């Protein structure tokens, strides 16, 4: 069953879907910093246009669309410009392509801020737009730590099934067992610091991408504890190395006063940022998934912007189970008025 990916980045969402049996037929992202990483790991050429410039005929026939439209517009940590930000309006370009191609399902992922009181009215308009083009829509705020990811990471997931399927997506139940930082990164050796000006060391580290950003810590960073213990889950892995969590070898930061913490005196040498590879493991990328970049900051960006692979797998397993239970070949024909021999190409 073939899928098309949008806002692909490094492709954490795509890897989760291909791991459970889907085939990637199309991918798109206009950020040149992700192109080499995506193409070398996923083995297909990425479409490098803005989604606003993609024409429906450029996308092959597939059973599903997956993607995470840019989240900065909706993030509680950002300016929260929402639909007033051009990046926020890309959601509607995604809707328009889905309307034109009529896949059996779509998935969209975004930050929790999209359902904050400020943005909820616009979010509900987006949901209504998906419904108007013929989809039964489900959405829910999930925490990645409930699905085998050693990280607290709350994200809104939207899944739509074409109304002709006669079914609505039901979200998988949280897993009882949580994965700890010890299980995720405890067997990694000490990483190496980034080279001068936080450029990559290339592949001189024994483990690819096992390098960490140098530099001081801002007052914003020092306003909160940034250390989680070995038996806990990580803080959210962000798309910037400056705000990467501290490795759990360090003691938790000392409270001084409101919005002010300090490193424990005499233990300062233990406070280093997580490495790029440690962040990748926390996002549940396998070690043979290699990230390509010149600036170490771009390594953190590739990983922090991704959907955790294990979270994507949990969603993909439910979708593929639902599709296999339905007579999807006839459904594709019915939706797209497509000859059955062409349906075989679509389902692959």
C-alpha atoms as a PDB file:
ATOM      1  CA  UNK A   1       0.000   0.000   0.000  1.00  0.00           C
ATOM      2  CA  UNK A   2       1.596   3.212  -1.197  1.00  0.00           C
ATOM      3  CA  UNK A   3       1.642   6.519   0.650  1.00  0.00           C
ATOM      4  CA  UNK A   4       2.713  10.086  -0.083  1.00  0.00           C
ATOM      5  CA  UNK A   5       4.602  12.140   2.493  1.00  0.00           C
ATOM      6  CA  UNK A   6       4.578  15.928   2.906  1.00  0.00           C
ATOM      7  CA  UNK A   7       6.698  18.232   5.103  1.00  0.00           C
ATOM      8  CA  UNK A   8       8.858  15.114   5.250  1.00  0.00           C
ATOM      9  CA  UNK A   9      11.993  16.407   6.995  1.00  0.00           C
ATOM     10  CA  UNK A  10      14.162  13.501   8.104  1.00  0.00           C
ATOM     11  CA  UNK A  11      11.188  11.169   7.703  1.00  0.00           C
ATOM     12  CA  UNK A  12      10.409   9.843  11.174  1.00  0.00           C
ATOM     13  CA  UNK A  13       6.730   9.591  10.288  1.00  0.00           C
ATOM     14  CA  UNK A  14       7.586   7.872   7.008  1.00  0.00           C
ATOM     15  CA  UNK A  15       9.902   5.364   8.694  1.00  0.00           C
ATOM     16  CA  UNK A  16       7.161   4.419  11.147  1.00  0.00           C
ATOM     17  CA  UNK A  17       4.740   3.781   8.284  1.00  0.00           C
ATOM     18  CA  UNK A  18       7.182   1.821   6.120  1.00  0.00           C
ATOM     19  CA  UNK A  19       8.218  -0.273   9.134  1.00  0.00           C
ATOM     20  CA  UNK A  20       4.688  -1.688   9.363  1.00  0.00           C
ATOM     21  CA  UNK A  21       4.250  -2.397   5.647  1.00  0.00           C
ATOM     22  CA  UNK A  22       3.393   0.788   3.764  1.00  0.00           C
ATOM     23  CA  UNK A  23       5.524   1.808   0.753  1.00  0.00           C
ATOM     24  CA  UNK A  24       6.724   5.356   0.251  1.00  0.00           C
ATOM     25  CA  UNK A  25       5.878   6.505  -3.294  1.00  0.00           C
ATOM     26  CA  UNK A  26       6.302  10.285  -2.951  1.00  0.00           C
ATOM     27  CA  UNK A  27       7.922  12.680  -0.489  1.00  0.00           C
ATOM     28  CA  UNK A  28       8.129  16.463  -0.342  1.00  0.00           C
ATOM     29  CA  UNK A  29      10.016  19.104   1.646  1.00  0.00           C
ATOM     30  CA  UNK A  30      11.470  22.424   0.519  1.00  0.00           C
ATOM     31  CA  UNK A  31      14.131  22.666   3.281  1.00  0.00           C
ATOM     32  CA  UNK A  32      17.466  21.812   1.673  1.00  0.00           C
ATOM     33  CA  UNK A  33      18.879  20.799   5.066  1.00  0.00           C
ATOM     34  CA  UNK A  34      16.858  17.576   5.051  1.00  0.00           C
ATOM     35  CA  UNK A  35      17.270  16.448   1.456  1.00  0.00           C
ATOM     36  CA  UNK A  36      20.450  14.369   1.771  1.00  0.00           C
ATOM     37  CA  UNK A  37      19.344  12.742   5.015  1.00  0.00           C
ATOM     38  CA  UNK A  38      15.938  11.826   3.615  1.00  0.00           C
ATOM     39  CA  UNK A  39      17.102  10.509   0.266  1.00  0.00           C
ATOM     40  CA  UNK A  40      19.986   8.414   1.614  1.00  0.00           C
ATOM     41  CA  UNK A  41      17.896   6.824   4.370  1.00  0.00           C
ATOM     42  CA  UNK A  42      14.612   6.310   2.520  1.00  0.00           C
ATOM     43  CA  UNK A  43      16.012   5.548  -0.916  1.00  0.00           C
ATOM     44  CA  UNK A  44      13.747   7.827  -2.938  1.00  0.00           C
ATOM     45  CA  UNK A  45      14.213  11.267  -4.441  1.00  0.00           C
ATOM     46  CA  UNK A  46      12.429  14.011  -2.564  1.00  0.00           C
ATOM     47  CA  UNK A  47      10.255  16.609  -4.290  1.00  0.00           C
ATOM     48  CA  UNK A  48      11.888  19.909  -3.347  1.00  0.00           C
ATOM     49  CA  UNK A  49       9.043  22.359  -4.007  1.00  0.00           C
ATOM     50  CA  UNK A  50       6.900  24.198  -1.502  1.00  0.00           C
ATOM     51  CA  UNK A  51       3.662  22.271  -1.054  1.00  0.00           C
ATOM     52  CA  UNK A  52       1.891  25.405  -2.322  1.00  0.00           C
ATOM     53  CA  UNK A  53       3.504  24.842  -5.733  1.00  0.00           C
ATOM     54  CA  UNK A  54       2.797  21.121  -6.120  1.00  0.00           C
ATOM     55  CA  UNK A  55       0.192  20.170  -8.708  1.00  0.00           C
ATOM     56  CA  UNK A  56      -1.999  17.101  -8.104  1.00  0.00           C
ATOM     57  CA  UNK A  57      -0.743  15.356 -11.247  1.00  0.00           C
ATOM     58  CA  UNK A  58       2.795  15.322  -9.790  1.00  0.00           C
ATOM     59  CA  UNK A  59       1.652  13.013  -6.981  1.00  0.00           C
ATOM     60  CA  UNK A  60       1.222   9.329  -7.849  1.00  0.00           C
ATOM     61  CA  UNK A  61      -1.960   7.520  -6.894  1.00  0.00           C
ATOM     62  CA  UNK A  62      -1.606   6.341  -3.303  1.00  0.00           C
ATOM     63  CA  UNK A  63      -3.857   5.070  -0.516  1.00  0.00           C
ATOM     64  CA  UNK A  64      -2.703   7.613   2.059  1.00  0.00           C
ATOM     65  CA  UNK A  65      -1.197  11.041   2.725  1.00  0.00           C
ATOM     66  CA  UNK A  66       0.933  11.637   5.834  1.00  0.00           C
ATOM     67  CA  UNK A  67       2.557  14.823   7.033  1.00  0.00           C
ATOM     68  CA  UNK A  68       3.211  17.322   9.793  1.00  0.00           C
ATOM     69  CA  UNK A  69       2.614  20.885   8.555  1.00  0.00           C
ATOM     70  CA  UNK A  70       5.080  23.375  10.127  1.00  0.00           C
ATOM     71  CA  UNK A  71       4.348  23.758  13.815  1.00  0.00           C
ATOM     72  CA  UNK A  72       6.114  27.031  14.674  1.00  0.00           C
ATOM     73  CA  UNK A  73       2.990  29.069  13.925  1.00  0.00           C
ATOM     74  CA  UNK A  74       1.009  27.158  16.549  1.00  0.00           C
ATOM     75  CA  UNK A  75       3.684  26.502  19.170  1.00  0.00           C
ATOM     76  CA  UNK A  76       3.116  27.723  22.723  1.00  0.00           C
ATOM     77  CA  UNK A  77       6.850  28.460  22.850  1.00  0.00           C
ATOM     78  CA  UNK A  78       6.741  30.716  19.793  1.00  0.00           C
ATOM     79  CA  UNK A  79       4.923  33.841  18.636  1.00  0.00           C
ATOM     80  CA  UNK A  80       1.699  31.829  18.126  1.00  0.00           C
ATOM     81  CA  UNK A  81       0.751  33.696  14.945  1.00  0.00           C
ATOM     82  CA  UNK A  82      -1.219  30.695  13.731  1.00  0.00           C
ATOM     83  CA  UNK A  83      -3.081  31.243  10.492  1.00  0.00           C
ATOM     84  CA  UNK A  84      -1.599  34.763  10.248  1.00  0.00           C
ATOM     85  CA  UNK A  85       1.785  33.155   9.603  1.00  0.00           C
ATOM     86  CA  UNK A  86       2.309  31.899   5.999  1.00  0.00           C
ATOM     87  CA  UNK A  87       3.530  28.617   7.482  1.00  0.00           C
ATOM     88  CA  UNK A  88       0.227  28.253   9.306  1.00  0.00           C
ATOM     89  CA  UNK A  89      -1.690  28.520   6.027  1.00  0.00           C
ATOM     90  CA  UNK A  90       0.188  25.534   4.576  1.00  0.00           C
ATOM     91  CA  UNK A  91      -2.369  23.350   6.344  1.00  0.00           C
ATOM     92  CA  UNK A  92      -4.897  24.405   3.709  1.00  0.00           C
ATOM     93  CA  UNK A  93      -2.510  23.513   0.867  1.00  0.00           C
ATOM     94  CA  UNK A  94      -2.421  20.049   2.395  1.00  0.00           C
ATOM     95  CA  UNK A  95      -6.237  19.975   2.476  1.00  0.00           C
ATOM     96  CA  UNK A  96      -6.423  21.039  -1.189  1.00  0.00           C
ATOM     97  CA  UNK A  97      -4.110  18.264  -2.386  1.00  0.00           C
ATOM     98  CA  UNK A  98      -6.051  15.692  -0.390  1.00  0.00           C
ATOM     99  CA  UNK A  99      -9.265  16.977  -1.982  1.00  0.00           C
ATOM    100  CA  UNK A 100      -7.739  16.594  -5.447  1.00  0.00           C
ATOM    101  CA  UNK A 101      -6.209  13.125  -4.996  1.00  0.00           C
ATOM    102  CA  UNK A 102      -8.825  11.543  -2.667  1.00  0.00           C
ATOM    103  CA  UNK A 103      -6.574   9.078  -0.779  1.00  0.00           C
ATOM    104  CA  UNK A 104      -8.322   6.537   1.417  1.00  0.00           C
ATOM    105  CA  UNK A 105      -6.808   8.153   4.493  1.00  0.00           C
ATOM    106  CA  UNK A 106      -4.689  11.075   5.638  1.00  0.00           C
ATOM    107  CA  UNK A 107      -2.743  11.819   8.790  1.00  0.00           C
ATOM    108  CA  UNK A 108      -1.593  15.215  10.056  1.00  0.00           C
ATOM    109  CA  UNK A 109       0.548  15.934  13.136  1.00  0.00           C
ATOM    110  CA  UNK A 110       1.092  19.191  14.996  1.00  0.00           C
ATOM    111  CA  UNK A 111       2.021  20.681  18.355  1.00  0.00           C
ATOM    112  CA  UNK A 112      -0.335  20.864  21.325  1.00  0.00           C
ATOM    113  CA  UNK A 113      -0.552  24.637  20.896  1.00  0.00           C
ATOM    114  CA  UNK A 114      -2.821  24.218  17.871  1.00  0.00           C
ATOM    115  CA  UNK A 115      -5.684  23.356  20.258  1.00  0.00           C
ATOM    116  CA  UNK A 116      -4.851  26.110  22.759  1.00  0.00           C
ATOM    117  CA  UNK A 117      -7.665  28.608  23.445  1.00  0.00           C
ATOM    118  CA  UNK A 118      -6.058  31.119  21.077  1.00  0.00           C
ATOM    119  CA  UNK A 119      -5.919  28.729  18.134  1.00  0.00           C
ATOM    120  CA  UNK A 120      -8.824  26.357  18.782  1.00  0.00           C
ATOM    121  CA  UNK A 121     -11.327  28.267  16.572  1.00  0.00           C
ATOM    122  CA  UNK A 122      -8.949  28.069  13.592  1.00  0.00           C
ATOM    123  CA  UNK A 123      -8.116  24.437  14.348  1.00  0.00           C
ATOM    124  CA  UNK A 124     -11.820  23.565  14.246  1.00  0.00           C
ATOM    125  CA  UNK A 125     -12.061  25.333  10.869  1.00  0.00           C
ATOM    126  CA  UNK A 126      -9.265  23.079   9.598  1.00  0.00           C
ATOM    127  CA  UNK A 127     -11.124  20.018  10.880  1.00  0.00           C
ATOM    128  CA  UNK A 128     -14.277  21.266   9.143  1.00  0.00           C
ATOM    129  CA  UNK A 129     -12.316  21.735   5.914  1.00  0.00           C
ATOM    130  CA  UNK A 130     -11.250  18.077   6.032  1.00  0.00           C
ATOM    131  CA  UNK A 131     -14.848  17.028   6.641  1.00  0.00           C
ATOM    132  CA  UNK A 132     -16.141  19.120   3.730  1.00  0.00           C
ATOM    133  CA  UNK A 133     -13.882  17.303   1.258  1.00  0.00           C
ATOM    134  CA  UNK A 134     -15.365  13.949   2.286  1.00  0.00           C
ATOM    135  CA  UNK A 135     -13.500  12.583   5.302  1.00  0.00           C
ATOM    136  CA  UNK A 136     -14.561  11.170   8.644  1.00  0.00           C
ATOM    137  CA  UNK A 137     -12.109  12.924  10.952  1.00  0.00           C
ATOM    138  CA  UNK A 138     -10.713  11.904  14.344  1.00  0.00           C
ATOM    139  CA  UNK A 139      -8.233  13.945  16.373  1.00  0.00           C
ATOM    140  CA  UNK A 140      -6.590  13.567  19.751  1.00  0.00           C
ATOM    141  CA  UNK A 141      -3.778  14.946  21.884  1.00  0.00           C
ATOM    142  CA  UNK A 142      -1.288  12.098  22.408  1.00  0.00           C
ATOM    143  CA  UNK A 143       1.849  11.838  24.504  1.00  0.00           C
ATOM    144  CA  UNK A 144       4.635   9.919  22.772  1.00  0.00           C
ATOM    145  CA  UNK A 145       5.768   8.356  26.076  1.00  0.00           C
ATOM    146  CA  UNK A 146       2.587   6.235  25.965  1.00  0.00           C
ATOM    147  CA  UNK A 147       3.733   4.544  22.748  1.00  0.00           C
ATOM    148  CA  UNK A 148       7.233   3.252  23.409  1.00  0.00           C
ATOM    149  CA  UNK A 149       9.020   6.603  23.132  1.00  0.00           C
ATOM    150  CA  UNK A 150      11.334   7.556  26.040  1.00  0.00           C
ATOM    151  CA  UNK A 151      10.182  11.161  25.955  1.00  0.00           C
ATOM    152  CA  UNK A 152       7.343  13.367  27.079  1.00  0.00           C
ATOM    153  CA  UNK A 153       6.104  14.814  23.805  1.00  0.00           C
ATOM    154  CA  UNK A 154       2.503  15.947  23.417  1.00  0.00           C
ATOM    155  CA  UNK A 155       1.245  16.243  19.869  1.00  0.00           C
ATOM    156  CA  UNK A 156      -2.142  16.582  18.189  1.00  0.00           C
ATOM    157  CA  UNK A 157      -2.794  13.807  15.681  1.00  0.00           C
ATOM    158  CA  UNK A 158      -5.524  14.141  13.047  1.00  0.00           C
ATOM    159  CA  UNK A 159      -6.576  11.101  11.026  1.00  0.00           C
ATOM    160  CA  UNK A 160      -9.211  11.126   8.319  1.00  0.00           C
ATOM    161  CA  UNK A 161     -10.793   8.137   6.550  1.00  0.00           C
ATOM    162  CA  UNK A 162     -12.608   8.740   3.281  1.00  0.00           C
ATOM    163  CA  UNK A 163     -16.333   8.689   3.985  1.00  0.00           C
ATOM    164  CA  UNK A 164     -16.832   5.902   1.434  1.00  0.00           C
ATOM    165  CA  UNK A 165     -14.875   3.564   3.715  1.00  0.00           C
ATOM    166  CA  UNK A 166     -17.754   3.842   6.174  1.00  0.00           C
ATOM    167  CA  UNK A 167     -15.348   3.869   9.097  1.00  0.00           C
ATOM    168  CA  UNK A 168     -13.759   6.294  11.547  1.00  0.00           C
ATOM    169  CA  UNK A 169     -10.231   5.971  12.932  1.00  0.00           C
ATOM    170  CA  UNK A 170      -9.969   4.907  16.561  1.00  0.00           C
ATOM    171  CA  UNK A 171      -6.748   5.822  18.338  1.00  0.00           C
ATOM    172  CA  UNK A 172      -4.604   3.025  19.775  1.00  0.00           C
ATOM    173  CA  UNK A 173      -4.629   2.651  23.540  1.00  0.00           C
ATOM    174  CA  UNK A 174      -1.587   3.834  25.542  1.00  0.00           C
ATOM    175  CA  UNK A 175       0.954   1.171  26.392  1.00  0.00           C
ATOM    176  CA  UNK A 176       1.328   0.359  30.091  1.00  0.00           C
ATOM    177  CA  UNK A 177       5.103   0.021  30.023  1.00  0.00           C
ATOM    178  CA  UNK A 178       7.177   3.174  29.619  1.00  0.00           C
ATOM    179  CA  UNK A 179      10.694   3.241  28.178  1.00  0.00           C
ATOM    180  CA  UNK A 180      13.291   4.966  30.356  1.00  0.00           C
ATOM    181  CA  UNK A 181      16.312   7.027  29.398  1.00  0.00           C
ATOM    182  CA  UNK A 182      18.496   4.227  30.758  1.00  0.00           C
ATOM    183  CA  UNK A 183      16.945   1.763  28.314  1.00  0.00           C
ATOM    184  CA  UNK A 184      17.207   4.230  25.437  1.00  0.00           C
ATOM    185  CA  UNK A 185      20.707   5.684  25.751  1.00  0.00           C
ATOM    186  CA  UNK A 186      22.344   3.976  28.730  1.00  0.00           C
ATOM    187  CA  UNK A 187      24.675   1.821  26.623  1.00  0.00           C
ATOM    188  CA  UNK A 188      26.110   4.661  24.557  1.00  0.00           C
ATOM    189  CA  UNK A 189      29.711   5.692  25.247  1.00  0.00           C
ATOM    190  CA  UNK A 190      30.677   9.294  25.949  1.00  0.00           C
ATOM    191  CA  UNK A 191      30.187  11.412  22.806  1.00  0.00           C
ATOM    192  CA  UNK A 192      32.584  13.969  21.377  1.00  0.00           C
ATOM    193  CA  UNK A 193      31.990  17.723  21.388  1.00  0.00           C
ATOM    194  CA  UNK A 194      31.235  19.494  18.118  1.00  0.00           C
ATOM    195  CA  UNK A 195      34.235  20.979  16.351  1.00  0.00           C
ATOM    196  CA  UNK A 196      35.000  24.696  16.116  1.00  0.00           C
ATOM    197  CA  UNK A 197      31.953  26.938  15.599  1.00  0.00           C
ATOM    198  CA  UNK A 198      29.744  23.905  16.264  1.00  0.00           C
ATOM    199  CA  UNK A 199      30.522  22.306  12.944  1.00  0.00           C
ATOM    200  CA  UNK A 200      30.260  18.556  12.648  1.00  0.00           C
ATOM    201  CA  UNK A 201      33.194  16.229  13.226  1.00  0.00           C
ATOM    202  CA  UNK A 202      31.957  14.284  10.225  1.00  0.00           C
ATOM    203  CA  UNK A 203      32.113  10.568  10.860  1.00  0.00           C
ATOM    204  CA  UNK A 204      35.131  10.543  13.158  1.00  0.00           C
ATOM    205  CA  UNK A 205      32.947   9.517  16.114  1.00  0.00           C
ATOM    206  CA  UNK A 206      32.733   5.750  16.596  1.00  0.00           C
ATOM    207  CA  UNK A 207      28.939   6.027  16.512  1.00  0.00           C
ATOM    208  CA  UNK A 208      27.565   8.259  13.714  1.00  0.00           C
ATOM    209  CA  UNK A 209      26.189  11.624  14.900  1.00  0.00           C
ATOM    210  CA  UNK A 210      27.321  11.006  18.497  1.00  0.00           C
ATOM    211  CA  UNK A 211      28.460  14.618  19.032  1.00  0.00           C
ATOM    212  CA  UNK A 212      27.015  17.455  21.072  1.00  0.00           C
ATOM    213  CA  UNK A 213      26.706  21.211  20.746  1.00  0.00           C
ATOM    214  CA  UNK A 214      29.158  23.415  22.617  1.00  0.00           C
ATOM    215  CA  UNK A 215      28.482  26.824  24.112  1.00  0.00           C
ATOM    216  CA  UNK A 216      26.927  28.467  27.113  1.00  0.00           C
ATOM    217  CA  UNK A 217      23.406  28.238  28.462  1.00  0.00           C
ATOM    218  CA  UNK A 218      21.001  31.176  28.217  1.00  0.00           C
ATOM    219  CA  UNK A 219      19.093  32.639  31.163  1.00  0.00           C
ATOM    220  CA  UNK A 220      15.950  31.194  29.563  1.00  0.00           C
ATOM    221  CA  UNK A 221      17.530  27.753  29.592  1.00  0.00           C
ATOM    222  CA  UNK A 222      18.675  28.198  33.199  1.00  0.00           C
ATOM    223  CA  UNK A 223      15.174  29.220  34.299  1.00  0.00           C
ATOM    224  CA  UNK A 224      14.051  25.586  34.501  1.00  0.00           C
ATOM    225  CA  UNK A 225      15.455  22.235  35.493  1.00  0.00           C
ATOM    226  CA  UNK A 226      16.719  20.577  32.299  1.00  0.00           C
ATOM    227  CA  UNK A 227      17.773  17.214  33.757  1.00  0.00           C
ATOM    228  CA  UNK A 228      15.746  14.023  33.861  1.00  0.00           C
ATOM    229  CA  UNK A 229      16.941  10.970  35.803  1.00  0.00           C
ATOM    230  CA  UNK A 230      17.890   7.685  34.177  1.00  0.00           C
ATOM    231  CA  UNK A 231      14.613   6.046  35.218  1.00  0.00           C
ATOM    232  CA  UNK A 232      12.466   8.847  33.748  1.00  0.00           C
ATOM    233  CA  UNK A 233      11.493   9.882  30.231  1.00  0.00           C
ATOM    234  CA  UNK A 234      13.235  12.798  28.552  1.00  0.00           C
ATOM    235  CA  UNK A 235      11.892  16.280  28.194  1.00  0.00           C
ATOM    236  CA  UNK A 236      10.640  17.024  24.659  1.00  0.00           C
ATOM    237  CA  UNK A 237      13.441  16.929  22.092  1.00  0.00           C
ATOM    238  CA  UNK A 238      13.263  20.319  20.422  1.00  0.00           C
ATOM    239  CA  UNK A 239      14.437  21.423  16.982  1.00  0.00           C
ATOM    240  CA  UNK A 240      17.382  23.389  18.358  1.00  0.00           C
ATOM    241  CA  UNK A 241      20.602  22.238  19.968  1.00  0.00           C
ATOM    242  CA  UNK A 242      20.801  25.200  22.332  1.00  0.00           C
ATOM    243  CA  UNK A 243      17.764  23.860  24.172  1.00  0.00           C
ATOM    244  CA  UNK A 244      18.639  20.167  24.087  1.00  0.00           C
ATOM    245  CA  UNK A 245      18.099  18.541  27.504  1.00  0.00           C
ATOM    246  CA  UNK A 246      21.041  17.783  29.769  1.00  0.00           C
ATOM    247  CA  UNK A 247      22.347  14.209  29.900  1.00  0.00           C
ATOM    248  CA  UNK A 248      20.933  12.233  32.872  1.00  0.00           C
ATOM    249  CA  UNK A 249      24.431  11.687  34.304  1.00  0.00           C
ATOM    250  CA  UNK A 250      24.085  15.153  35.861  1.00  0.00           C
ATOM    251  CA  UNK A 251      22.182  15.870  39.089  1.00  0.00           C
ATOM    252  CA  UNK A 252      19.007  17.891  38.735  1.00  0.00           C
ATOM    253  CA  UNK A 253      19.586  21.622  38.692  1.00  0.00           C
ATOM    254  CA  UNK A 254      19.400  23.554  41.945  1.00  0.00           C
ATOM    255  CA  UNK A 255      16.447  25.892  42.520  1.00  0.00           C
ATOM    256  CA  UNK A 256      17.592  29.415  43.421  1.00  0.00           C
ATOM    257  CA  UNK A 257      14.442  31.462  42.934  1.00  0.00           C
ATOM    258  CA  UNK A 258      11.513  31.719  40.540  1.00  0.00           C
ATOM    259  CA  UNK A 259      12.822  31.301  36.962  1.00  0.00           C
ATOM    260  CA  UNK A 260      16.392  30.737  38.114  1.00  0.00           C
ATOM    261  CA  UNK A 261      18.318  27.455  38.485  1.00  0.00           C
ATOM    262  CA  UNK A 262      22.001  26.641  38.811  1.00  0.00           C
ATOM    263  CA  UNK A 263      24.215  23.652  38.132  1.00  0.00           C
ATOM    264  CA  UNK A 264      25.332  21.877  41.304  1.00  0.00           C
ATOM    265  CA  UNK A 265      28.741  23.207  42.330  1.00  0.00           C
ATOM    266  CA  UNK A 266      31.563  20.735  41.845  1.00  0.00           C
ATOM    267  CA  UNK A 267      29.465  18.774  39.316  1.00  0.00           C
ATOM    268  CA  UNK A 268      29.586  21.275  36.458  1.00  0.00           C
ATOM    269  CA  UNK A 269      31.541  18.852  34.249  1.00  0.00           C
ATOM    270  CA  UNK A 270      28.537  16.509  34.185  1.00  0.00           C
ATOM    271  CA  UNK A 271      26.220  19.078  32.602  1.00  0.00           C
ATOM    272  CA  UNK A 272      26.403  18.594  28.863  1.00  0.00           C
ATOM    273  CA  UNK A 273      23.706  18.612  26.250  1.00  0.00           C
ATOM    274  CA  UNK A 274      22.452  15.335  24.852  1.00  0.00           C
ATOM    275  CA  UNK A 275      24.282  14.390  21.675  1.00  0.00           C
ATOM    276  CA  UNK A 276      22.629  14.322  18.268  1.00  0.00           C
ATOM    277  CA  UNK A 277      22.610  10.505  18.377  1.00  0.00           C
ATOM    278  CA  UNK A 278      21.183  10.437  21.896  1.00  0.00           C
ATOM    279  CA  UNK A 279      18.376  12.713  20.723  1.00  0.00           C
ATOM    280  CA  UNK A 280      17.841  10.414  17.739  1.00  0.00           C
ATOM    281  CA  UNK A 281      17.508   7.392  20.020  1.00  0.00           C
ATOM    282  CA  UNK A 282      15.055   9.286  22.227  1.00  0.00           C
ATOM    283  CA  UNK A 283      13.071   9.991  19.056  1.00  0.00           C
ATOM    284  CA  UNK A 284      13.336   6.209  18.413  1.00  0.00           C
ATOM    285  CA  UNK A 285      15.398   6.417  15.217  1.00  0.00           C
ATOM    286  CA  UNK A 286      17.606   3.323  14.778  1.00  0.00           C
ATOM    287  CA  UNK A 287      21.380   3.742  14.902  1.00  0.00           C
ATOM    288  CA  UNK A 288      21.728   2.875  11.211  1.00  0.00           C
ATOM    289  CA  UNK A 289      19.628   5.929  10.314  1.00  0.00           C
ATOM    290  CA  UNK A 290      22.352   8.494   9.559  1.00  0.00           C
ATOM    291  CA  UNK A 291      21.852  12.263   9.706  1.00  0.00           C
ATOM    292  CA  UNK A 292      23.833  14.423   7.264  1.00  0.00           C
ATOM    293  CA  UNK A 293      24.681  18.022   8.130  1.00  0.00           C
ATOM    294  CA  UNK A 294      27.537  20.538   8.322  1.00  0.00           C
ATOM    295  CA  UNK A 295      26.324  22.463  11.363  1.00  0.00           C
ATOM    296  CA  UNK A 296      25.527  20.355  14.416  1.00  0.00           C
ATOM    297  CA  UNK A 297      22.505  22.615  14.984  1.00  0.00           C
ATOM    298  CA  UNK A 298      20.986  21.186  11.803  1.00  0.00           C
ATOM    299  CA  UNK A 299      21.356  17.675  13.203  1.00  0.00           C
ATOM    300  CA  UNK A 300      19.257  18.638  16.213  1.00  0.00           C
ATOM    301  CA  UNK A 301      16.768  20.373  13.909  1.00  0.00           C
ATOM    302  CA  UNK A 302      16.341  17.288  11.718  1.00  0.00           C
ATOM    303  CA  UNK A 303      15.626  15.149  14.753  1.00  0.00           C
ATOM    304  CA  UNK A 304      13.577  17.598  16.813  1.00  0.00           C
ATOM    305  CA  UNK A 305      11.190  18.325  13.955  1.00  0.00           C
ATOM    306  CA  UNK A 306      10.524  14.634  13.337  1.00  0.00           C
ATOM    307  CA  UNK A 307       7.630  12.516  14.538  1.00  0.00           C
ATOM    308  CA  UNK A 308       9.014   9.795  16.853  1.00  0.00           C
ATOM    309  CA  UNK A 309       9.275   6.595  14.844  1.00  0.00           C
ATOM    310  CA  UNK A 310       7.559   4.415  17.464  1.00  0.00           C
ATOM    311  CA  UNK A 311       4.615   6.816  17.736  1.00  0.00           C
ATOM    312  CA  UNK A 312       4.262   6.742  13.944  1.00  0.00           C
ATOM    313  CA  UNK A 313       4.378   2.942  14.012  1.00  0.00           C
ATOM    314  CA  UNK A 314       1.565   2.741  16.567  1.00  0.00           C
ATOM    315  CA  UNK A 315      -0.666   4.910  14.389  1.00  0.00           C
ATOM    316  CA  UNK A 316       0.318   3.150  11.169  1.00  0.00           C
ATOM    317  CA  UNK A 317      -0.416  -0.298  12.649  1.00  0.00           C
ATOM    318  CA  UNK A 318      -3.972   0.751  13.438  1.00  0.00           C
ATOM    319  CA  UNK A 319      -4.480   2.254   9.974  1.00  0.00           C
ATOM    320  CA  UNK A 320      -3.101  -0.732   8.073  1.00  0.00           C
ATOM    321  CA  UNK A 321      -5.217  -3.069  10.234  1.00  0.00           C
ATOM    322  CA  UNK A 322      -8.348  -1.072   9.399  1.00  0.00           C
ATOM    323  CA  UNK A 323      -7.586  -1.029   5.666  1.00  0.00           C
ATOM    324  CA  UNK A 324      -6.918  -4.754   5.531  1.00  0.00           C
ATOM    325  CA  UNK A 325     -10.261  -5.437   7.181  1.00  0.00           C
ATOM    326  CA  UNK A 326     -12.038  -3.493   4.432  1.00  0.00           C
ATOM    327  CA  UNK A 327     -12.424  -4.353   0.776  1.00  0.00           C
ATOM    328  CA  UNK A 328     -10.077  -1.525  -0.119  1.00  0.00           C
ATOM    329  CA  UNK A 329      -9.549  -2.458  -3.768  1.00  0.00           C
ATOM    330  CA  UNK A 330     -13.198  -1.854  -4.568  1.00  0.00           C
ATOM    331  CA  UNK A 331     -13.210   1.236  -2.334  1.00  0.00           C
ATOM    332  CA  UNK A 332     -10.332   2.806  -4.277  1.00  0.00           C
ATOM    333  CA  UNK A 333     -12.151   2.142  -7.539  1.00  0.00           C
ATOM    334  CA  UNK A 334     -15.338   3.600  -6.142  1.00  0.00           C
ATOM    335  CA  UNK A 335     -13.665   6.770  -4.840  1.00  0.00           C
ATOM    336  CA  UNK A 336     -11.429   7.476  -7.813  1.00  0.00           C
ATOM    337  CA  UNK A 337     -13.394   5.870 -10.671  1.00  0.00           C
ATOM    338  CA  UNK A 338     -10.151   4.010 -11.357  1.00  0.00           C
ATOM    339  CA  UNK A 339      -9.835   0.830 -13.453  1.00  0.00           C
ATOM    340  CA  UNK A 340      -8.880  -2.170 -11.320  1.00  0.00           C
ATOM    341  CA  UNK A 341      -5.531  -2.612 -13.112  1.00  0.00           C
ATOM    342  CA  UNK A 342      -4.570   0.914 -11.979  1.00  0.00           C
ATOM    343  CA  UNK A 343      -5.638   0.150  -8.446  1.00  0.00           C
ATOM    344  CA  UNK A 344      -2.903  -2.493  -8.283  1.00  0.00           C
ATOM    345  CA  UNK A 345      -0.340   0.244  -8.939  1.00  0.00           C
ATOM    346  CA  UNK A 346      -1.808   2.339  -6.161  1.00  0.00           C
ATOM    347  CA  UNK A 347      -1.875  -0.439  -3.581  1.00  0.00           C
ATOM    348  CA  UNK A 348       1.481  -1.765  -4.685  1.00  0.00           C
END
